[in-house]
């Protein structure tokens, strides 16, 4: 087997793994998106406004990170 034989096989394998990783990343981001939405619904039922505010601030931070992850996923 020569380098010319191996290189296309390696390239195909790398592309396959990259596509799989991209799919998994998109799946995880989608699940996290759903989790944030569910947490927001649950937190709206918390009686203590200070606790609700803390949770809301954390969710805003998580959503910003999710937006970045989605942008990176698009770039893969």
N, C-alpha and C. Protein backbone atom coordinates (compact mmCIF):
# COMPACT_ATOMS: atom_id res chain seq x y z
N UNK A 1 0.84 -1.17 0.00
CA UNK A 1 0.00 0.00 0.00
C UNK A 1 0.89 1.24 0.00
N UNK A 2 0.60 2.16 -0.89
CA UNK A 2 1.41 3.37 -0.99
C UNK A 2 0.71 4.53 -0.27
N UNK A 3 1.45 5.64 -0.17
CA UNK A 3 0.88 6.85 0.43
C UNK A 3 -0.35 7.29 -0.36
N UNK A 4 -0.28 7.17 -1.67
CA UNK A 4 -1.42 7.55 -2.51
C UNK A 4 -2.66 6.71 -2.23
N UNK A 5 -2.45 5.47 -1.78
CA UNK A 5 -3.58 4.60 -1.43
C UNK A 5 -4.15 4.97 -0.06
N UNK A 6 -3.27 5.29 0.88
CA UNK A 6 -3.67 5.52 2.26
C UNK A 6 -4.29 6.90 2.45
N UNK A 7 -3.76 7.92 1.82
CA UNK A 7 -4.23 9.29 2.02
C UNK A 7 -5.72 9.47 1.75
N UNK A 8 -6.25 8.99 0.64
CA UNK A 8 -7.69 9.15 0.42
C UNK A 8 -8.52 8.43 1.49
N UNK A 9 -8.05 7.27 1.94
CA UNK A 9 -8.77 6.54 2.98
C UNK A 9 -8.77 7.32 4.29
N UNK A 10 -7.62 7.88 4.63
CA UNK A 10 -7.53 8.68 5.85
C UNK A 10 -8.40 9.93 5.75
N UNK A 11 -8.37 10.58 4.61
CA UNK A 11 -9.18 11.77 4.41
C UNK A 11 -10.66 11.44 4.55
N UNK A 12 -11.08 10.35 3.94
CA UNK A 12 -12.49 9.95 4.05
C UNK A 12 -12.87 9.66 5.50
N UNK A 13 -11.97 9.02 6.22
CA UNK A 13 -12.24 8.71 7.63
C UNK A 13 -12.33 9.99 8.46
N UNK A 14 -11.44 10.93 8.23
CA UNK A 14 -11.45 12.20 8.94
C UNK A 14 -12.75 12.96 8.65
N UNK A 15 -13.17 12.98 7.40
CA UNK A 15 -14.41 13.66 7.03
C UNK A 15 -15.62 12.99 7.66
N UNK A 16 -15.58 11.68 7.72
CA UNK A 16 -16.67 10.92 8.35
C UNK A 16 -16.75 11.25 9.85
N UNK A 17 -15.61 11.26 10.52
CA UNK A 17 -15.57 11.57 11.95
C UNK A 17 -15.99 13.01 12.22
N UNK A 18 -15.59 13.90 11.35
CA UNK A 18 -15.96 15.31 11.49
C UNK A 18 -17.47 15.48 11.36
N UNK A 19 -18.07 14.81 10.40
CA UNK A 19 -19.52 14.89 10.21
C UNK A 19 -20.25 14.30 11.42
N UNK A 20 -19.74 13.21 11.94
CA UNK A 20 -20.35 12.60 13.13
C UNK A 20 -20.24 13.52 14.33
N UNK A 21 -19.07 14.13 14.51
CA UNK A 21 -18.86 15.06 15.63
C UNK A 21 -19.79 16.26 15.49
N UNK A 22 -19.95 16.76 14.29
CA UNK A 22 -20.85 17.90 14.05
C UNK A 22 -22.29 17.52 14.41
N UNK A 23 -22.70 16.34 14.02
CA UNK A 23 -24.05 15.88 14.34
C UNK A 23 -24.26 15.75 15.84
N UNK A 24 -23.26 15.22 16.53
CA UNK A 24 -23.36 15.08 17.99
C UNK A 24 -23.38 16.45 18.66
N UNK A 25 -22.57 17.37 18.18
CA UNK A 25 -22.55 18.72 18.74
C UNK A 25 -23.91 19.38 18.57
N UNK A 26 -24.49 19.26 17.41
CA UNK A 26 -25.81 19.84 17.16
C UNK A 26 -26.86 19.21 18.07
N UNK A 27 -26.76 17.91 18.28
CA UNK A 27 -27.71 17.21 19.15
C UNK A 27 -27.58 17.70 20.59
N UNK A 28 -26.36 17.84 21.08
CA UNK A 28 -26.12 18.30 22.45
C UNK A 28 -26.62 19.74 22.62
N UNK A 29 -26.32 20.59 21.67
CA UNK A 29 -26.77 21.99 21.75
C UNK A 29 -28.30 22.04 21.77
N UNK A 30 -28.94 21.22 20.97
CA UNK A 30 -30.40 21.17 20.95
C UNK A 30 -30.96 20.72 22.30
N UNK A 31 -30.35 19.71 22.88
CA UNK A 31 -30.79 19.24 24.20
C UNK A 31 -30.58 20.30 25.27
N UNK A 32 -29.47 21.01 25.20
CA UNK A 32 -29.21 22.09 26.15
C UNK A 32 -30.22 23.22 25.99
N UNK A 33 -30.55 23.52 24.75
CA UNK A 33 -31.57 24.53 24.47
C UNK A 33 -32.90 24.16 25.13
N UNK A 34 -33.28 22.92 24.97
CA UNK A 34 -34.51 22.41 25.56
C UNK A 34 -34.44 22.47 27.09
N UNK A 35 -33.29 22.13 27.65
CA UNK A 35 -33.11 22.17 29.10
C UNK A 35 -33.25 23.59 29.63
N UNK A 36 -32.67 24.56 28.95
CA UNK A 36 -32.79 25.96 29.37
C UNK A 36 -34.25 26.38 29.36
N UNK A 37 -34.95 25.99 28.32
CA UNK A 37 -36.37 26.33 28.22
C UNK A 37 -37.15 25.71 29.39
N UNK A 38 -36.87 24.46 29.69
CA UNK A 38 -37.56 23.79 30.80
C UNK A 38 -37.22 24.42 32.15
N UNK A 39 -35.97 24.78 32.35
CA UNK A 39 -35.56 25.43 33.60
C UNK A 39 -36.27 26.77 33.73
N UNK A 40 -36.36 27.50 32.64
CA UNK A 40 -37.04 28.80 32.67
C UNK A 40 -38.51 28.62 33.09
N UNK A 41 -39.18 27.61 32.55
CA UNK A 41 -40.59 27.35 32.91
C UNK A 41 -40.71 27.02 34.39
N UNK A 42 -39.83 26.18 34.87
CA UNK A 42 -39.86 25.77 36.28
C UNK A 42 -39.54 26.94 37.19
N UNK A 43 -38.53 27.72 36.83
CA UNK A 43 -38.11 28.83 37.69
C UNK A 43 -39.18 29.91 37.80
N UNK A 44 -40.04 30.00 36.80
CA UNK A 44 -41.11 31.01 36.86
C UNK A 44 -42.10 30.69 37.98
N UNK A 45 -42.07 29.47 38.48
CA UNK A 45 -42.97 29.06 39.55
C UNK A 45 -42.36 29.23 40.94
N UNK A 46 -41.10 29.66 41.00
CA UNK A 46 -40.44 29.86 42.29
C UNK A 46 -40.96 31.14 42.91
N UNK A 47 -41.36 31.06 44.17
CA UNK A 47 -41.99 32.20 44.85
C UNK A 47 -41.00 33.31 45.16
N UNK A 48 -39.77 32.96 45.49
CA UNK A 48 -38.78 33.95 45.92
C UNK A 48 -38.23 34.69 44.70
N UNK A 49 -38.51 36.01 44.59
CA UNK A 49 -38.06 36.77 43.41
C UNK A 49 -36.53 36.86 43.31
N UNK A 50 -35.84 36.86 44.44
CA UNK A 50 -34.38 36.94 44.40
C UNK A 50 -33.79 35.66 43.78
N UNK A 51 -34.36 34.54 44.14
CA UNK A 51 -33.90 33.26 43.59
C UNK A 51 -34.23 33.20 42.10
N UNK A 52 -35.43 33.64 41.73
CA UNK A 52 -35.80 33.67 40.30
C UNK A 52 -34.83 34.52 39.51
N UNK A 53 -34.43 35.66 40.06
CA UNK A 53 -33.51 36.57 39.37
C UNK A 53 -32.14 35.91 39.18
N UNK A 54 -31.66 35.22 40.20
CA UNK A 54 -30.37 34.52 40.10
C UNK A 54 -30.43 33.47 38.99
N UNK A 55 -31.50 32.70 38.98
CA UNK A 55 -31.66 31.66 37.96
C UNK A 55 -31.74 32.30 36.57
N UNK A 56 -32.50 33.37 36.46
CA UNK A 56 -32.64 34.05 35.16
C UNK A 56 -31.29 34.56 34.66
N UNK A 57 -30.50 35.14 35.56
CA UNK A 57 -29.17 35.64 35.17
C UNK A 57 -28.28 34.50 34.68
N UNK A 58 -28.34 33.38 35.35
CA UNK A 58 -27.54 32.22 34.94
C UNK A 58 -28.02 31.70 33.57
N UNK A 59 -29.33 31.69 33.38
CA UNK A 59 -29.87 31.22 32.10
C UNK A 59 -29.46 32.13 30.95
N UNK A 60 -29.42 33.42 31.19
CA UNK A 60 -28.97 34.36 30.16
C UNK A 60 -27.52 34.05 29.77
N UNK A 61 -26.70 33.76 30.77
CA UNK A 61 -25.29 33.41 30.51
C UNK A 61 -25.19 32.11 29.71
N UNK A 62 -25.97 31.12 30.10
CA UNK A 62 -25.95 29.83 29.40
C UNK A 62 -26.43 30.00 27.96
N UNK A 63 -27.47 30.81 27.75
CA UNK A 63 -27.97 31.02 26.40
C UNK A 63 -26.93 31.70 25.52
N UNK A 64 -26.17 32.63 26.09
CA UNK A 64 -25.10 33.27 25.32
C UNK A 64 -24.06 32.24 24.89
N UNK A 65 -23.72 31.35 25.79
CA UNK A 65 -22.74 30.31 25.47
C UNK A 65 -23.31 29.34 24.43
N UNK A 66 -24.60 29.06 24.52
CA UNK A 66 -25.22 28.19 23.52
C UNK A 66 -25.22 28.83 22.13
N UNK A 67 -25.44 30.14 22.09
CA UNK A 67 -25.38 30.83 20.79
C UNK A 67 -23.99 30.69 20.17
N UNK A 68 -22.97 30.83 21.00
CA UNK A 68 -21.60 30.66 20.50
C UNK A 68 -21.37 29.24 20.00
N UNK A 69 -21.87 28.28 20.76
CA UNK A 69 -21.70 26.87 20.35
C UNK A 69 -22.42 26.60 19.02
N UNK A 70 -23.60 27.21 18.85
CA UNK A 70 -24.34 27.03 17.58
C UNK A 70 -23.56 27.65 16.43
N UNK A 71 -22.98 28.82 16.66
CA UNK A 71 -22.19 29.47 15.61
C UNK A 71 -20.98 28.60 15.23
N UNK A 72 -20.34 28.03 16.23
CA UNK A 72 -19.19 27.16 15.96
C UNK A 72 -19.63 25.89 15.24
N UNK A 73 -20.80 25.38 15.61
CA UNK A 73 -21.30 24.16 14.95
C UNK A 73 -21.57 24.43 13.48
N UNK A 74 -22.06 25.59 13.15
CA UNK A 74 -22.31 25.95 11.77
C UNK A 74 -21.00 26.01 10.99
N UNK A 75 -19.93 26.45 11.67
CA UNK A 75 -18.64 26.58 11.01
C UNK A 75 -17.91 25.28 10.79
N UNK A 76 -18.38 24.19 11.42
CA UNK A 76 -17.69 22.90 11.25
C UNK A 76 -17.90 22.32 9.88
